[in-house]
Amino acid sequence: MKVRTLAVAAVLAALGAGAVVAADEPQVVRQEMMKKVGGAMGALSGIAKGEKPYDAEVVKASLATMSEVAKAFPEQFPAGSETGHETEASPKIWEAMDDFKAKSAKLVEAADAALASPPADQAAVGAALGAIGPNCAACHEVYRIKK
């Protein structure tokens, strides 16, 4: 019985270690970062469309998330992370890293500008998204493989 328990524990530990290793992979990290941005964008869009009530704290937290992720995002593309873990990153990122980083910087600028003077109502959230959204789209159009 003890041998069986030890064998099961060893298998579970190995599986857990594999999950930890995968979580540290750049492809996985950047996917999680994009999920955070997607959640922030969804919250802001809901407010802008009137589907959710205006909430200043949600607006600030969403904008802060977008800024923080955009600042750190370009560093998640080291050589060798072009494939694997169902990445949607286009090889064009590594071919034009300076442009990729510049696009990310523009998103940071737009999010930081909105944070500096936070939108105070539904219409202002919509206006902020009007400045932020094209920066997201500019990067996705060139540097994301749609699956």
Protein backbone atom coordinates (compact mmCIF):
# COMPACT_ATOMS: atom_id res chain seq x y z
CA MET A 1 0.00 0.00 0.00
CA LYS A 2 2.82 2.42 0.88
CA VAL A 3 4.54 1.78 -2.47
CA ARG A 4 1.35 2.59 -4.33
CA THR A 5 0.87 5.80 -2.32
CA LEU A 6 4.46 6.82 -3.02
CA ALA A 7 4.03 6.07 -6.73
CA VAL A 8 0.88 8.17 -6.92
CA ALA A 9 2.59 10.99 -5.01
CA ALA A 10 5.57 10.86 -7.38
CA VAL A 11 3.32 11.05 -10.45
CA LEU A 12 1.37 13.98 -8.99
CA ALA A 13 4.59 15.79 -8.10
CA ALA A 14 5.92 15.31 -11.62
CA LEU A 15 2.70 16.61 -13.13
CA GLY A 16 2.76 19.60 -10.80
CA ALA A 17 6.37 20.36 -11.68
CA GLY A 18 5.48 20.23 -15.36
CA ALA A 19 2.69 22.75 -14.82
CA VAL A 20 5.04 25.06 -12.96
CA VAL A 21 7.61 24.87 -15.77
CA ALA A 22 4.92 25.58 -18.38
CA ALA A 23 3.64 28.55 -16.38
CA ASP A 24 7.09 30.14 -16.55
CA GLU A 25 7.41 29.74 -20.31
CA PRO A 26 7.31 33.09 -22.15
CA GLN A 27 4.50 31.90 -24.40
CA VAL A 28 2.32 31.08 -21.38
CA VAL A 29 3.25 34.29 -19.58
CA ARG A 30 2.30 36.43 -22.56
CA GLN A 31 -0.98 34.54 -23.02
CA GLU A 32 -1.85 35.27 -19.40
CA MET A 33 -0.89 38.91 -19.89
CA MET A 34 -3.20 39.17 -22.90
CA LYS A 35 -6.02 37.61 -20.86
CA LYS A 36 -5.53 40.39 -18.30
CA VAL A 37 -5.69 43.04 -21.02
CA GLY A 38 -8.75 41.36 -22.49
CA GLY A 39 -10.46 41.43 -19.10
CA ALA A 40 -9.58 45.10 -18.66
CA MET A 41 -10.79 45.94 -22.16
CA GLY A 42 -14.00 44.01 -21.54
CA ALA A 43 -14.67 45.90 -18.33
CA LEU A 44 -14.08 49.25 -20.01
CA SER A 45 -16.15 48.30 -23.06
CA GLY A 46 -19.02 47.22 -20.85
CA ILE A 47 -19.01 50.62 -19.16
CA ALA A 48 -18.65 52.49 -22.46
CA LYS A 49 -21.60 50.60 -23.96
CA GLY A 50 -23.76 51.12 -20.87
CA GLU A 51 -23.88 47.40 -20.16
CA LYS A 52 -22.20 47.97 -16.81
CA PRO A 53 -22.50 50.96 -14.50
CA TYR A 54 -19.68 53.47 -14.41
CA ASP A 55 -17.26 52.59 -11.61
CA ALA A 56 -14.21 54.81 -11.16
CA GLU A 57 -12.24 52.08 -9.40
CA VAL A 58 -12.87 49.56 -12.19
CA VAL A 59 -11.85 52.17 -14.78
CA LYS A 60 -8.60 53.01 -12.97
CA ALA A 61 -7.74 49.37 -12.32
CA SER A 62 -8.42 48.44 -15.95
CA LEU A 63 -6.29 51.27 -17.30
CA ALA A 64 -3.50 50.44 -14.84
CA THR A 65 -3.59 46.80 -15.95
CA MET A 66 -3.31 47.80 -19.59
CA SER A 67 -0.39 50.12 -18.88
CA GLU A 68 1.47 47.61 -16.71
CA VAL A 69 1.05 44.77 -19.18
CA ALA A 70 2.03 46.89 -22.18
CA LYS A 71 5.21 47.97 -20.38
CA ALA A 72 6.29 44.41 -19.60
CA PHE A 73 4.88 42.65 -22.66
CA PRO A 74 7.73 43.18 -25.16
CA GLU A 75 10.17 41.50 -22.78
CA GLN A 76 8.21 38.25 -23.06
CA PHE A 77 9.50 37.49 -26.56
CA PRO A 78 13.00 36.08 -26.12
CA ALA A 79 14.65 34.19 -28.96
CA GLY A 80 13.45 30.62 -28.98
CA SER A 81 9.90 31.42 -27.91
CA GLU A 82 8.57 31.79 -31.43
CA THR A 83 6.63 28.53 -31.23
CA GLY A 84 5.07 26.26 -28.66
CA HIS A 85 2.27 26.44 -26.12
CA GLU A 86 -0.24 27.33 -28.84
CA THR A 87 1.31 30.77 -29.28
CA GLU A 88 -0.41 33.23 -31.58
CA ALA A 89 2.72 35.36 -31.89
CA SER A 90 3.74 36.00 -35.48
CA PRO A 91 7.36 35.46 -36.49
CA LYS A 92 7.19 39.08 -37.66
CA ILE A 93 7.70 40.12 -34.01
CA TRP A 94 11.28 38.84 -34.02
CA GLU A 95 11.88 40.28 -37.49
CA ALA A 96 10.73 43.78 -36.47
CA MET A 97 11.24 43.89 -32.71
CA ASP A 98 11.82 47.67 -32.66
CA ASP A 99 8.46 48.30 -34.33
CA PHE A 100 6.77 45.79 -32.04
CA LYS A 101 8.19 47.59 -28.99
CA ALA A 102 7.17 50.97 -30.43
CA LYS A 103 3.59 49.77 -30.84
CA SER A 104 3.57 48.55 -27.24
CA ALA A 105 4.94 51.92 -26.12
CA LYS A 106 2.06 53.68 -27.89
CA LEU A 107 -0.40 51.56 -25.93
CA VAL A 108 1.41 52.51 -22.73
CA GLU A 109 1.17 56.20 -23.70
CA ALA A 110 -2.56 55.95 -24.40
CA ALA A 111 -3.30 54.06 -21.18
CA ASP A 112 -1.09 56.38 -19.12
CA ALA A 113 -2.76 59.46 -20.65
CA ALA A 114 -6.14 58.08 -19.64
CA LEU A 115 -4.82 57.28 -16.16
CA ALA A 116 -3.42 60.80 -15.77
CA SER A 117 -6.90 62.19 -16.26
CA PRO A 118 -9.22 59.28 -15.53
CA PRO A 119 -12.49 59.12 -17.45
CA ALA A 120 -15.23 60.46 -15.16
CA ASP A 121 -18.28 58.98 -16.88
CA GLN A 122 -19.49 56.53 -19.51
CA ALA A 123 -18.84 58.87 -22.45
CA ALA A 124 -15.29 59.59 -21.27
CA VAL A 125 -14.58 55.87 -20.97
CA GLY A 126 -15.72 55.51 -24.59
CA ALA A 127 -13.41 58.34 -25.62
CA ALA A 128 -10.49 56.74 -23.78
CA LEU A 129 -11.17 53.45 -25.56
CA GLY A 130 -11.18 55.39 -28.82
CA ALA A 131 -7.56 56.31 -28.11
CA ILE A 132 -6.49 52.95 -26.68
CA GLY A 133 -8.24 50.53 -29.03
CA PRO A 134 -6.41 51.45 -32.23
CA ASN A 135 -3.10 50.78 -30.48
CA CYS A 136 -4.23 47.27 -29.56
CA ALA A 137 -5.50 46.69 -33.08
CA ALA A 138 -2.32 48.01 -34.72
CA CYS A 139 -0.27 45.37 -32.98
CA HIS A 140 -2.75 42.54 -33.43
CA GLU A 141 -3.11 43.20 -37.16
CA VAL A 142 0.60 42.76 -37.78
CA TYR A 143 1.96 40.62 -34.97
CA ARG A 144 -0.78 38.13 -34.11
CA ILE A 145 -1.57 34.92 -35.95
CA LYS A 146 -5.31 34.36 -35.90
CA LYS A 147 -6.09 30.72 -35.30
